[in-house]
């Protein structure tokens, strides 16, 4: 890729990032070029230096600009741990040697500043919160808050009854206009959900 082409690509990307929450072109480009699949309204994840390929991110996710998602570890059993022996893009070997599994991040996940999701984690459930500075080494259950090094469960965001009611609404499948109407018509369901308030949303 020539210098002019790279410059043009950077300008085009900067323009697309102005509509980071909703741009379908930005999402298609990241999926095709980097194997980073991002759902609508999610933001903070359009950076291949911080978010590894083979990452699927749901809708309405909030990822801090200093968070990192690491797709694979350096190989410990090779002659060297240097990427020359596993990354074909560096021109030493003909084909990539690492073949990491995909990481799936559910809808409405919040990953805080300086949090790191390590290769041992292949699933972060819907509605989960990853605390600032956490190092996530294993799967995170839906609607849980984890923090620390290594990350551990602090608490669940809601009771099982409220989680079931939230799941029944499938609110994340709707657009921002739907959320606007919800906040206006059902503020209790939007800001302090309980099973009774959420029952009105259906």
N, C-alpha and C. Protein backbone atom coordinates (compact mmCIF):
# COMPACT_ATOMS: atom_id res chain seq x y z
N UNK A 1 0.85 -1.18 0.00
CA UNK A 1 0.00 0.00 0.00
C UNK A 1 0.89 1.23 0.00
N UNK A 2 0.63 2.13 -0.92
CA UNK A 2 1.44 3.33 -1.03
C UNK A 2 1.13 4.35 0.04
N UNK A 3 2.04 5.32 0.17
CA UNK A 3 1.88 6.37 1.19
C UNK A 3 0.61 7.17 0.96
N UNK A 4 0.34 7.52 -0.29
CA UNK A 4 -0.86 8.30 -0.61
C UNK A 4 -2.13 7.52 -0.29
N UNK A 5 -2.10 6.23 -0.60
CA UNK A 5 -3.27 5.40 -0.32
C UNK A 5 -3.49 5.29 1.20
N UNK A 6 -2.42 5.11 1.96
CA UNK A 6 -2.54 5.04 3.42
C UNK A 6 -3.08 6.35 4.00
N UNK A 7 -2.60 7.46 3.46
CA UNK A 7 -3.08 8.76 3.91
C UNK A 7 -4.57 8.92 3.60
N UNK A 8 -4.96 8.55 2.39
CA UNK A 8 -6.37 8.63 2.01
C UNK A 8 -7.25 7.75 2.89
N UNK A 9 -6.74 6.58 3.24
CA UNK A 9 -7.46 5.66 4.11
C UNK A 9 -7.65 6.27 5.51
N UNK A 10 -6.61 6.90 6.03
CA UNK A 10 -6.69 7.53 7.36
C UNK A 10 -7.72 8.67 7.37
N UNK A 11 -7.74 9.46 6.30
CA UNK A 11 -8.71 10.56 6.21
C UNK A 11 -10.12 9.99 6.13
N UNK A 12 -10.31 8.97 5.30
CA UNK A 12 -11.63 8.34 5.14
C UNK A 12 -12.09 7.76 6.47
N UNK A 13 -11.19 7.10 7.18
CA UNK A 13 -11.53 6.52 8.47
C UNK A 13 -11.91 7.61 9.48
N UNK A 14 -11.18 8.70 9.48
CA UNK A 14 -11.49 9.81 10.39
C UNK A 14 -12.89 10.35 10.13
N UNK A 15 -13.25 10.44 8.86
CA UNK A 15 -14.60 10.90 8.51
C UNK A 15 -15.66 9.91 8.99
N UNK A 16 -15.40 8.62 8.80
CA UNK A 16 -16.36 7.61 9.24
C UNK A 16 -16.53 7.61 10.76
N UNK A 17 -15.44 7.87 11.47
CA UNK A 17 -15.50 7.85 12.94
C UNK A 17 -16.35 8.98 13.50
N UNK A 18 -16.65 9.99 12.70
CA UNK A 18 -17.56 11.04 13.16
C UNK A 18 -18.96 10.48 13.42
N UNK A 19 -19.28 9.38 12.74
CA UNK A 19 -20.57 8.71 12.94
C UNK A 19 -20.35 7.31 13.52
N UNK A 20 -19.43 7.24 14.46
CA UNK A 20 -19.01 5.96 15.04
C UNK A 20 -20.19 5.14 15.58
N UNK A 21 -21.18 5.78 16.16
CA UNK A 21 -22.30 5.07 16.76
C UNK A 21 -23.16 4.35 15.72
N UNK A 22 -23.23 4.91 14.50
CA UNK A 22 -24.22 4.41 13.55
C UNK A 22 -23.70 4.05 12.17
N UNK A 23 -22.47 4.34 11.84
CA UNK A 23 -21.98 4.13 10.48
C UNK A 23 -21.91 2.65 10.10
N UNK A 24 -22.69 2.27 9.11
CA UNK A 24 -22.64 0.89 8.61
C UNK A 24 -21.38 0.69 7.76
N UNK A 25 -20.95 1.73 7.05
CA UNK A 25 -19.72 1.62 6.24
C UNK A 25 -18.52 1.33 7.13
N UNK A 26 -18.43 2.02 8.25
CA UNK A 26 -17.34 1.80 9.20
C UNK A 26 -17.37 0.35 9.71
N UNK A 27 -18.54 -0.14 10.02
CA UNK A 27 -18.68 -1.51 10.53
C UNK A 27 -18.31 -2.54 9.47
N UNK A 28 -18.76 -2.33 8.23
CA UNK A 28 -18.40 -3.26 7.15
C UNK A 28 -16.89 -3.28 6.92
N UNK A 29 -16.26 -2.10 6.94
CA UNK A 29 -14.84 -2.00 6.69
C UNK A 29 -14.03 -2.72 7.77
N UNK A 30 -14.38 -2.52 9.04
CA UNK A 30 -13.66 -3.19 10.12
C UNK A 30 -13.88 -4.69 10.10
N UNK A 31 -15.07 -5.13 9.74
CA UNK A 31 -15.33 -6.58 9.66
C UNK A 31 -14.49 -7.21 8.55
N UNK A 32 -14.45 -6.57 7.39
CA UNK A 32 -13.71 -7.12 6.25
C UNK A 32 -12.20 -7.02 6.43
N UNK A 33 -11.74 -5.90 6.92
CA UNK A 33 -10.29 -5.66 6.99
C UNK A 33 -9.63 -6.26 8.23
N UNK A 34 -10.32 -6.20 9.37
CA UNK A 34 -9.69 -6.57 10.64
C UNK A 34 -10.36 -7.73 11.37
N UNK A 35 -11.45 -8.26 10.85
CA UNK A 35 -12.24 -9.28 11.54
C UNK A 35 -12.71 -8.78 12.91
N UNK A 36 -13.11 -7.52 12.94
CA UNK A 36 -13.71 -6.92 14.13
C UNK A 36 -15.15 -6.56 13.75
N UNK A 37 -16.10 -7.30 14.29
CA UNK A 37 -17.51 -7.11 13.96
C UNK A 37 -18.17 -6.33 15.09
N UNK A 38 -18.78 -5.20 14.75
CA UNK A 38 -19.31 -4.28 15.76
C UNK A 38 -20.78 -4.00 15.49
N UNK A 39 -21.61 -4.21 16.51
CA UNK A 39 -23.03 -3.93 16.40
C UNK A 39 -23.33 -2.44 16.44
N UNK A 40 -24.50 -2.09 15.98
CA UNK A 40 -24.92 -0.69 15.96
C UNK A 40 -24.87 -0.06 17.35
N UNK A 41 -24.54 1.20 17.36
CA UNK A 41 -24.51 2.06 18.54
C UNK A 41 -23.34 1.76 19.48
N UNK A 42 -22.56 0.75 19.22
CA UNK A 42 -21.37 0.48 20.04
C UNK A 42 -20.26 1.43 19.61
N UNK A 43 -19.40 1.79 20.55
CA UNK A 43 -18.36 2.76 20.26
C UNK A 43 -17.11 2.46 21.10
N UNK A 44 -16.00 3.07 20.68
CA UNK A 44 -14.74 2.89 21.39
C UNK A 44 -13.95 1.68 20.94
N UNK A 45 -14.43 1.00 19.90
CA UNK A 45 -13.82 -0.27 19.51
C UNK A 45 -13.24 -0.26 18.10
N UNK A 46 -13.23 0.89 17.44
CA UNK A 46 -12.73 0.95 16.07
C UNK A 46 -11.25 1.33 16.07
N UNK A 47 -10.45 0.44 16.61
CA UNK A 47 -9.01 0.66 16.71
C UNK A 47 -8.32 -0.71 16.72
N UNK A 48 -7.77 -1.14 15.58
CA UNK A 48 -7.16 -2.46 15.52
C UNK A 48 -5.89 -2.60 16.36
N UNK A 49 -5.35 -1.49 16.85
CA UNK A 49 -4.19 -1.57 17.74
C UNK A 49 -4.61 -1.91 19.17
N UNK A 50 -5.87 -1.64 19.52
CA UNK A 50 -6.37 -1.94 20.87
C UNK A 50 -7.34 -3.12 20.88
N UNK A 51 -8.01 -3.37 19.76
CA UNK A 51 -8.99 -4.45 19.68
C UNK A 51 -8.49 -5.46 18.65
N UNK A 52 -8.22 -6.66 19.10
CA UNK A 52 -7.70 -7.69 18.20
C UNK A 52 -8.77 -8.18 17.24
N UNK A 53 -8.30 -8.70 16.13
CA UNK A 53 -9.20 -9.35 15.18
C UNK A 53 -9.89 -10.54 15.83
N UNK A 54 -10.90 -11.02 15.13
CA UNK A 54 -11.73 -12.13 15.62
C UNK A 54 -12.46 -11.73 16.91
N UNK A 55 -12.97 -10.52 16.90
CA UNK A 55 -13.76 -10.02 18.02
C UNK A 55 -15.14 -9.63 17.50
N UNK A 56 -16.18 -10.15 18.11
CA UNK A 56 -17.57 -9.78 17.80
C UNK A 56 -18.11 -8.98 18.97
N UNK A 57 -18.58 -7.79 18.69
CA UNK A 57 -19.07 -6.88 19.72
C UNK A 57 -20.54 -6.61 19.44
N UNK A 58 -21.38 -6.78 20.44
CA UNK A 58 -22.81 -6.58 20.29
C UNK A 58 -23.19 -5.13 20.13
N UNK A 59 -24.48 -4.88 20.21
CA UNK A 59 -25.03 -3.53 20.09
C UNK A 59 -24.96 -2.80 21.43
N UNK A 60 -24.89 -1.48 21.35
CA UNK A 60 -24.94 -0.60 22.54
C UNK A 60 -23.79 -0.84 23.52
N UNK A 61 -22.64 -1.26 23.05
CA UNK A 61 -21.49 -1.46 23.95
C UNK A 61 -20.69 -0.16 24.09
N UNK A 62 -20.15 0.04 25.29
CA UNK A 62 -19.33 1.21 25.59
C UNK A 62 -17.94 0.72 25.96
N UNK A 63 -16.96 1.02 25.11
CA UNK A 63 -15.60 0.56 25.35
C UNK A 63 -14.69 1.77 25.48
N UNK A 64 -14.07 1.90 26.64
CA UNK A 64 -13.22 3.06 26.92
C UNK A 64 -12.06 3.13 25.94
N UNK A 65 -11.62 4.35 25.60
CA UNK A 65 -10.54 4.51 24.63
C UNK A 65 -9.19 3.98 25.08
N UNK A 66 -9.05 3.61 26.34
CA UNK A 66 -7.80 3.03 26.82
C UNK A 66 -7.92 1.53 27.13
N UNK A 67 -9.09 0.96 26.88
CA UNK A 67 -9.27 -0.49 27.09
C UNK A 67 -8.60 -1.25 25.96
N UNK A 68 -8.20 -2.50 26.27
CA UNK A 68 -7.54 -3.34 25.26
C UNK A 68 -8.17 -4.73 25.24
N UNK A 69 -8.25 -5.28 24.03
CA UNK A 69 -8.71 -6.65 23.85
C UNK A 69 -7.59 -7.39 23.14
N UNK A 70 -7.00 -8.35 23.83
CA UNK A 70 -5.85 -9.09 23.32
C UNK A 70 -6.34 -10.44 22.80
N UNK A 71 -6.09 -10.72 21.51
CA UNK A 71 -6.64 -11.92 20.90
C UNK A 71 -5.83 -13.18 21.11
N UNK A 72 -4.51 -13.05 21.26
CA UNK A 72 -3.67 -14.23 21.40
C UNK A 72 -2.40 -13.87 22.16
N UNK A 73 -1.85 -14.85 22.85
CA UNK A 73 -0.58 -14.67 23.55
C UNK A 73 0.59 -14.96 22.62
N UNK A 74 1.73 -14.44 22.94
CA UNK A 74 2.96 -14.82 22.24
C UNK A 74 3.21 -16.30 22.53
N UNK A 75 3.66 -17.07 21.53
CA UNK A 75 3.90 -18.49 21.77
C UNK A 75 5.11 -18.71 22.68
N UNK A 76 4.93 -19.51 23.70
CA UNK A 76 6.01 -19.76 24.67
C UNK A 76 6.89 -20.94 24.28
N UNK A 77 6.40 -21.78 23.37
CA UNK A 77 7.15 -22.99 23.02
C UNK A 77 7.99 -22.83 21.75
N UNK A 78 7.97 -21.65 21.12
CA UNK A 78 8.77 -21.41 19.92
C UNK A 78 10.17 -20.94 20.31
N UNK A 79 11.05 -20.87 19.33
CA UNK A 79 12.41 -20.39 19.56
C UNK A 79 12.42 -19.01 20.20
N UNK A 80 11.53 -18.14 19.68
CA UNK A 80 11.41 -16.79 20.21
C UNK A 80 9.94 -16.44 20.36
N UNK A 81 9.65 -15.52 21.26
CA UNK A 81 8.28 -15.04 21.41
C UNK A 81 8.02 -13.84 20.49
N UNK A 82 9.00 -13.42 19.73
CA UNK A 82 8.88 -12.27 18.83
C UNK A 82 7.85 -12.55 17.73
N UNK A 83 7.08 -11.54 17.33
CA UNK A 83 6.06 -11.75 16.30
C UNK A 83 6.59 -12.11 14.92
N UNK A 84 7.88 -11.94 14.66
CA UNK A 84 8.41 -12.35 13.37
C UNK A 84 8.09 -13.81 13.06
N UNK A 85 8.02 -14.65 14.08
CA UNK A 85 7.78 -16.07 13.83
C UNK A 85 6.31 -16.46 13.86
N UNK A 86 5.40 -15.49 14.06
CA UNK A 86 3.98 -15.87 13.99
C UNK A 86 3.11 -14.90 13.19
N UNK A 87 3.59 -13.71 12.86
CA UNK A 87 2.81 -12.72 12.12
C UNK A 87 3.35 -12.57 10.71
N UNK A 88 2.64 -13.15 9.73
CA UNK A 88 3.09 -13.10 8.34
C UNK A 88 3.16 -11.68 7.81
N UNK A 89 2.39 -10.77 8.36
CA UNK A 89 2.40 -9.39 7.92
C UNK A 89 3.74 -8.69 8.10
N UNK A 90 4.62 -9.27 8.90
CA UNK A 90 5.94 -8.67 9.13
C UNK A 90 6.99 -9.16 8.13
N UNK A 91 6.59 -10.07 7.23
CA UNK A 91 7.45 -10.44 6.11
C UNK A 91 8.49 -11.52 6.34
N UNK A 92 8.51 -12.17 7.50
CA UNK A 92 9.51 -13.21 7.75
C UNK A 92 8.97 -14.59 7.39
N UNK A 93 7.71 -14.85 7.69
CA UNK A 93 7.10 -16.14 7.40
C UNK A 93 5.98 -15.96 6.37
N UNK A 94 5.60 -17.07 5.72
CA UNK A 94 4.63 -17.00 4.62
C UNK A 94 3.17 -16.94 5.09
N UNK A 95 2.88 -17.53 6.24
CA UNK A 95 1.49 -17.57 6.71
C UNK A 95 1.46 -17.38 8.23
N UNK A 96 0.39 -16.76 8.71
CA UNK A 96 0.24 -16.58 10.16
C UNK A 96 0.26 -17.92 10.87
N UNK A 97 0.87 -17.94 12.04
CA UNK A 97 0.97 -19.17 12.83
C UNK A 97 -0.06 -19.24 13.95
N UNK A 98 -0.64 -18.11 14.31
CA UNK A 98 -1.63 -18.11 15.38
C UNK A 98 -3.03 -18.18 14.78
N UNK A 99 -3.92 -18.91 15.42
CA UNK A 99 -5.28 -19.08 14.94
C UNK A 99 -6.23 -18.98 16.14
N UNK A 100 -6.34 -17.78 16.74
CA UNK A 100 -7.12 -17.65 17.97
C UNK A 100 -8.61 -17.82 17.73
N UNK A 101 -9.31 -18.32 18.74
CA UNK A 101 -10.76 -18.41 18.69
C UNK A 101 -11.36 -17.02 18.79
N UNK A 102 -12.58 -16.87 18.31
CA UNK A 102 -13.28 -15.58 18.37
C UNK A 102 -13.67 -15.25 19.80
N UNK A 103 -13.64 -13.98 20.14
CA UNK A 103 -14.18 -13.45 21.39
C UNK A 103 -15.54 -12.85 21.06
N UNK A 104 -16.56 -13.22 21.83
CA UNK A 104 -17.90 -12.66 21.65
C UNK A 104 -18.24 -11.79 22.85
N UNK A 105 -18.52 -10.54 22.57
CA UNK A 105 -18.94 -9.58 23.60
C UNK A 105 -20.41 -9.30 23.36
N UNK A 106 -21.24 -9.57 24.35
CA UNK A 106 -22.69 -9.40 24.19
C UNK A 106 -23.09 -7.94 24.10
N UNK A 107 -24.39 -7.73 23.92
CA UNK A 107 -24.94 -6.38 23.84
C UNK A 107 -24.80 -5.66 25.17
N UNK A 108 -24.72 -4.34 25.13
CA UNK A 108 -24.76 -3.48 26.32
C UNK A 108 -23.66 -3.80 27.33
N UNK A 109 -22.47 -4.12 26.85
CA UNK A 109 -21.33 -4.36 27.73
C UNK A 109 -20.55 -3.06 27.88
N UNK A 110 -20.10 -2.78 29.08
CA UNK A 110 -19.28 -1.60 29.35
C UNK A 110 -17.90 -2.09 29.80
N UNK A 111 -16.87 -1.69 29.06
CA UNK A 111 -15.49 -2.03 29.42
C UNK A 111 -14.79 -0.73 29.80
N UNK A 112 -14.38 -0.63 31.06
CA UNK A 112 -13.84 0.61 31.61
C UNK A 112 -12.41 0.91 31.19
N UNK A 113 -11.95 2.10 31.56
CA UNK A 113 -10.61 2.57 31.21
C UNK A 113 -9.52 1.62 31.72
N UNK A 114 -8.54 1.41 30.87
CA UNK A 114 -7.35 0.60 31.17
C UNK A 114 -7.68 -0.86 31.50
N UNK A 115 -8.89 -1.30 31.21
CA UNK A 115 -9.21 -2.71 31.37
C UNK A 115 -8.57 -3.48 30.21
N UNK A 116 -8.19 -4.72 30.48
CA UNK A 116 -7.59 -5.58 29.46
C UNK A 116 -8.33 -6.91 29.45
N UNK A 117 -8.80 -7.29 28.28
CA UNK A 117 -9.42 -8.59 28.10
C UNK A 117 -8.37 -9.50 27.47
N UNK A 118 -7.97 -10.53 28.20
CA UNK A 118 -6.89 -11.41 27.77
C UNK A 118 -7.42 -12.56 26.91
N UNK A 119 -6.52 -13.28 26.20
CA UNK A 119 -6.95 -14.34 25.30
C UNK A 119 -7.74 -15.47 25.97
N UNK A 120 -7.57 -15.68 27.28
CA UNK A 120 -8.32 -16.73 27.96
C UNK A 120 -9.80 -16.46 28.05
N UNK A 121 -10.21 -15.22 27.84
CA UNK A 121 -11.63 -14.84 27.86
C UNK A 121 -12.16 -14.89 26.44
N UNK A 122 -13.17 -15.71 26.22
CA UNK A 122 -13.77 -15.81 24.88
C UNK A 122 -15.24 -15.42 24.87
N UNK A 123 -15.75 -14.98 26.04
CA UNK A 123 -17.16 -14.60 26.11
C UNK A 123 -17.37 -13.59 27.24
N UNK A 124 -18.02 -12.49 26.89
CA UNK A 124 -18.47 -11.51 27.88
C UNK A 124 -19.96 -11.36 27.66
N UNK A 125 -20.74 -11.71 28.66
CA UNK A 125 -22.18 -11.76 28.50
C UNK A 125 -22.86 -10.41 28.43
N UNK A 126 -24.05 -10.42 27.89
CA UNK A 126 -24.86 -9.21 27.74
C UNK A 126 -25.00 -8.49 29.08
N UNK A 127 -24.87 -7.16 29.04
CA UNK A 127 -25.08 -6.35 30.22
C UNK A 127 -23.97 -6.37 31.25
N UNK A 128 -22.85 -7.02 30.94
CA UNK A 128 -21.73 -7.10 31.89
C UNK A 128 -20.98 -5.78 31.96
N UNK A 129 -20.31 -5.57 33.08
CA UNK A 129 -19.47 -4.39 33.28
C UNK A 129 -18.08 -4.86 33.69
N UNK A 130 -17.07 -4.38 32.97
CA UNK A 130 -15.67 -4.67 33.28
C UNK A 130 -15.09 -3.40 33.90
N UNK A 131 -14.70 -3.48 35.17
CA UNK A 131 -14.24 -2.30 35.90
C UNK A 131 -12.93 -1.74 35.38
N UNK A 132 -12.68 -0.49 35.69
CA UNK A 132 -11.45 0.20 35.33
C UNK A 132 -10.23 -0.58 35.81
N UNK A 133 -9.27 -0.80 34.92
CA UNK A 133 -8.03 -1.47 35.27
C UNK A 133 -8.12 -2.97 35.43
N UNK A 134 -9.28 -3.55 35.21
CA UNK A 134 -9.44 -5.00 35.37
C UNK A 134 -8.63 -5.75 34.31
N UNK A 135 -8.18 -6.94 34.68
CA UNK A 135 -7.54 -7.85 33.73
C UNK A 135 -8.41 -9.10 33.69
N UNK A 136 -9.13 -9.26 32.59
CA UNK A 136 -10.11 -10.34 32.45
C UNK A 136 -9.43 -11.54 31.81
N UNK A 137 -9.40 -12.65 32.53
CA UNK A 137 -8.70 -13.85 32.06
C UNK A 137 -9.64 -15.00 31.73
N UNK A 138 -10.93 -14.85 32.04
CA UNK A 138 -11.89 -15.91 31.75
C UNK A 138 -13.24 -15.31 31.41
N UNK A 139 -14.18 -16.16 31.01
CA UNK A 139 -15.50 -15.70 30.59
C UNK A 139 -16.17 -14.89 31.69
N UNK A 140 -16.97 -13.92 31.26
CA UNK A 140 -17.72 -13.06 32.19
C UNK A 140 -19.20 -13.33 31.96
N UNK A 141 -19.91 -13.63 33.04
CA UNK A 141 -21.34 -13.95 32.95
C UNK A 141 -22.16 -12.69 32.64
N UNK A 142 -23.33 -12.86 32.02
CA UNK A 142 -24.19 -11.71 31.74
C UNK A 142 -24.59 -10.97 33.01
N UNK A 143 -24.75 -9.67 32.88
CA UNK A 143 -25.25 -8.79 33.94
C UNK A 143 -24.43 -8.88 35.23
N UNK A 144 -23.14 -9.11 35.09
CA UNK A 144 -22.27 -9.11 36.26
C UNK A 144 -21.29 -7.95 36.18
N UNK A 145 -20.77 -7.56 37.31
CA UNK A 145 -19.73 -6.54 37.39
C UNK A 145 -18.47 -7.23 37.89
N UNK A 146 -17.40 -7.13 37.10
CA UNK A 146 -16.13 -7.73 37.50
C UNK A 146 -15.07 -6.65 37.56
N UNK A 147 -14.09 -6.83 38.44
CA UNK A 147 -13.00 -5.86 38.58
C UNK A 147 -11.82 -6.57 39.23
N UNK A 148 -10.65 -5.93 39.15
CA UNK A 148 -9.46 -6.45 39.81
C UNK A 148 -8.50 -7.12 38.86
N UNK A 149 -7.38 -7.58 39.45
CA UNK A 149 -6.33 -8.26 38.70
C UNK A 149 -5.99 -9.55 39.43
N UNK A 150 -6.38 -10.70 38.92
CA UNK A 150 -7.28 -10.87 37.78
C UNK A 150 -8.70 -10.49 38.17
N UNK A 151 -9.52 -10.21 37.16
CA UNK A 151 -10.90 -9.78 37.42
C UNK A 151 -11.67 -10.86 38.16
N UNK A 152 -12.47 -10.40 39.13
CA UNK A 152 -13.32 -11.32 39.88
C UNK A 152 -14.71 -10.69 40.01
N UNK A 153 -15.68 -11.51 40.26
CA UNK A 153 -17.06 -11.05 40.39
C UNK A 153 -17.21 -10.15 41.61
N UNK A 154 -17.74 -8.95 41.39
CA UNK A 154 -18.09 -8.07 42.50
C UNK A 154 -19.54 -8.26 42.89
N UNK A 155 -20.42 -8.22 41.89
CA UNK A 155 -21.85 -8.44 42.15
C UNK A 155 -22.60 -8.55 40.83
N UNK A 156 -23.85 -8.94 40.92
CA UNK A 156 -24.74 -8.93 39.77
C UNK A 156 -25.41 -7.57 39.71
N UNK A 157 -25.69 -7.10 38.51
CA UNK A 157 -26.33 -5.79 38.38
C UNK A 157 -27.77 -5.80 38.84
N UNK A 158 -28.46 -6.91 38.63
CA UNK A 158 -29.88 -7.00 38.95
C UNK A 158 -30.19 -8.36 39.56
N UNK A 159 -31.37 -8.49 40.12
CA UNK A 159 -31.84 -9.79 40.61
C UNK A 159 -32.17 -10.68 39.41
N UNK A 160 -32.23 -12.00 39.60
CA UNK A 160 -32.61 -12.88 38.49
C UNK A 160 -33.97 -12.52 37.89
N UNK A 161 -34.91 -12.07 38.72
CA UNK A 161 -36.25 -11.70 38.23
C UNK A 161 -36.15 -10.50 37.29
N UNK A 162 -35.37 -9.50 37.66
CA UNK A 162 -35.22 -8.31 36.81
C UNK A 162 -34.44 -8.66 35.54
N UNK A 163 -33.43 -9.50 35.65
CA UNK A 163 -32.69 -9.92 34.46
C UNK A 163 -33.61 -10.61 33.47
N UNK A 164 -34.46 -11.50 33.97
CA UNK A 164 -35.41 -12.19 33.09
C UNK A 164 -36.36 -11.19 32.41
N UNK A 165 -36.78 -10.18 33.16
CA UNK A 165 -37.67 -9.17 32.59
C UNK A 165 -36.96 -8.33 31.54
N UNK A 166 -35.70 -7.98 31.80
CA UNK A 166 -34.91 -7.24 30.81
C UNK A 166 -34.74 -8.07 29.54
N UNK A 167 -34.37 -9.33 29.72
CA UNK A 167 -34.19 -10.22 28.56
C UNK A 167 -35.47 -10.34 27.74
N UNK A 168 -36.62 -10.36 28.41
CA UNK A 168 -37.90 -10.49 27.70
C UNK A 168 -38.18 -9.28 26.82
N UNK A 169 -37.67 -8.10 27.19
CA UNK A 169 -37.92 -6.91 26.37
C UNK A 169 -37.11 -6.91 25.08
N UNK A 170 -35.94 -7.55 25.10
CA UNK A 170 -35.02 -7.53 23.96
C UNK A 170 -34.80 -6.09 23.46
N UNK A 171 -34.65 -5.16 24.40
CA UNK A 171 -34.55 -3.74 24.07
C UNK A 171 -33.39 -3.45 23.12
N UNK A 172 -32.31 -4.20 23.20
CA UNK A 172 -31.10 -3.95 22.40
C UNK A 172 -31.33 -4.16 20.91
N UNK A 173 -32.43 -4.83 20.54
CA UNK A 173 -32.75 -5.02 19.12
C UNK A 173 -33.39 -3.77 18.51
N UNK A 174 -33.72 -2.81 19.34
CA UNK A 174 -34.40 -1.59 18.89
C UNK A 174 -33.40 -0.47 18.62
N UNK A 175 -33.89 0.57 17.95
CA UNK A 175 -33.02 1.69 17.61
C UNK A 175 -33.08 2.80 18.66
N UNK A 176 -32.32 3.86 18.43
CA UNK A 176 -32.26 4.94 19.42
C UNK A 176 -33.58 5.69 19.53
N UNK A 177 -34.37 5.71 18.46
CA UNK A 177 -35.69 6.35 18.54
C UNK A 177 -36.58 5.59 19.52
N UNK A 178 -36.47 4.28 19.52
CA UNK A 178 -37.23 3.46 20.48
C UNK A 178 -36.78 3.79 21.91
N UNK A 179 -35.48 3.93 22.12
CA UNK A 179 -34.98 4.29 23.45
C UNK A 179 -35.48 5.67 23.88
N UNK A 180 -35.55 6.60 22.93
CA UNK A 180 -36.07 7.93 23.24
C UNK A 180 -37.51 7.83 23.73
N UNK A 181 -38.32 7.05 23.01
CA UNK A 181 -39.72 6.87 23.41
C UNK A 181 -39.82 6.18 24.77
N UNK A 182 -38.96 5.17 25.00
CA UNK A 182 -38.97 4.47 26.28
C UNK A 182 -38.67 5.42 27.42
N UNK A 183 -37.61 6.23 27.27
CA UNK A 183 -37.23 7.15 28.35
C UNK A 183 -38.33 8.15 28.64
N UNK A 184 -39.06 8.57 27.61
CA UNK A 184 -40.14 9.54 27.81
C UNK A 184 -41.38 8.90 28.41
N UNK A 185 -41.75 7.72 27.90
CA UNK A 185 -43.02 7.09 28.31
C UNK A 185 -42.89 6.21 29.54
N UNK A 186 -41.72 5.61 29.75
CA UNK A 186 -41.52 4.66 30.85
C UNK A 186 -40.20 4.94 31.56
N UNK A 187 -40.05 6.09 32.19
CA UNK A 187 -38.76 6.41 32.83
C UNK A 187 -38.36 5.41 33.91
N UNK A 188 -39.31 4.83 34.60
CA UNK A 188 -38.96 3.84 35.63
C UNK A 188 -38.28 2.63 35.00
N UNK A 189 -38.78 2.19 33.86
CA UNK A 189 -38.18 1.04 33.16
C UNK A 189 -36.79 1.39 32.64
N UNK A 190 -36.61 2.64 32.23
CA UNK A 190 -35.33 3.06 31.67
C UNK A 190 -34.26 3.29 32.72
N UNK A 191 -34.64 3.89 33.85
CA UNK A 191 -33.64 4.35 34.80
C UNK A 191 -33.56 3.59 36.11
N UNK A 192 -34.59 2.85 36.46
CA UNK A 192 -34.59 2.04 37.69
C UNK A 192 -35.45 0.82 37.46
N UNK A 193 -35.03 -0.05 36.51
CA UNK A 193 -35.92 -1.14 36.10
C UNK A 193 -36.21 -2.14 37.19
N UNK A 194 -37.48 -2.53 37.25
CA UNK A 194 -37.90 -3.68 38.03
C UNK A 194 -38.86 -4.46 37.16
N UNK A 195 -39.26 -5.62 37.60
CA UNK A 195 -40.09 -6.49 36.75
C UNK A 195 -41.41 -5.83 36.37
N UNK A 196 -42.03 -5.11 37.29
CA UNK A 196 -43.32 -4.46 37.01
C UNK A 196 -43.16 -3.37 35.97
N UNK A 197 -42.15 -2.52 36.12
CA UNK A 197 -41.93 -1.44 35.15
C UNK A 197 -41.59 -2.01 33.77
N UNK A 198 -40.80 -3.05 33.74
CA UNK A 198 -40.40 -3.64 32.46
C UNK A 198 -41.55 -4.35 31.78
N UNK A 199 -42.52 -4.84 32.54
CA UNK A 199 -43.68 -5.51 31.95
C UNK A 199 -44.48 -4.55 31.07
N UNK A 200 -44.43 -3.27 31.39
CA UNK A 200 -45.16 -2.27 30.59
C UNK A 200 -44.49 -1.99 29.26
N UNK A 201 -43.22 -2.34 29.14
CA UNK A 201 -42.46 -2.03 27.94
C UNK A 201 -42.85 -2.94 26.78
N UNK A 202 -43.21 -4.15 27.08
CA UNK A 202 -43.50 -5.13 26.03
C UNK A 202 -44.60 -4.68 25.18
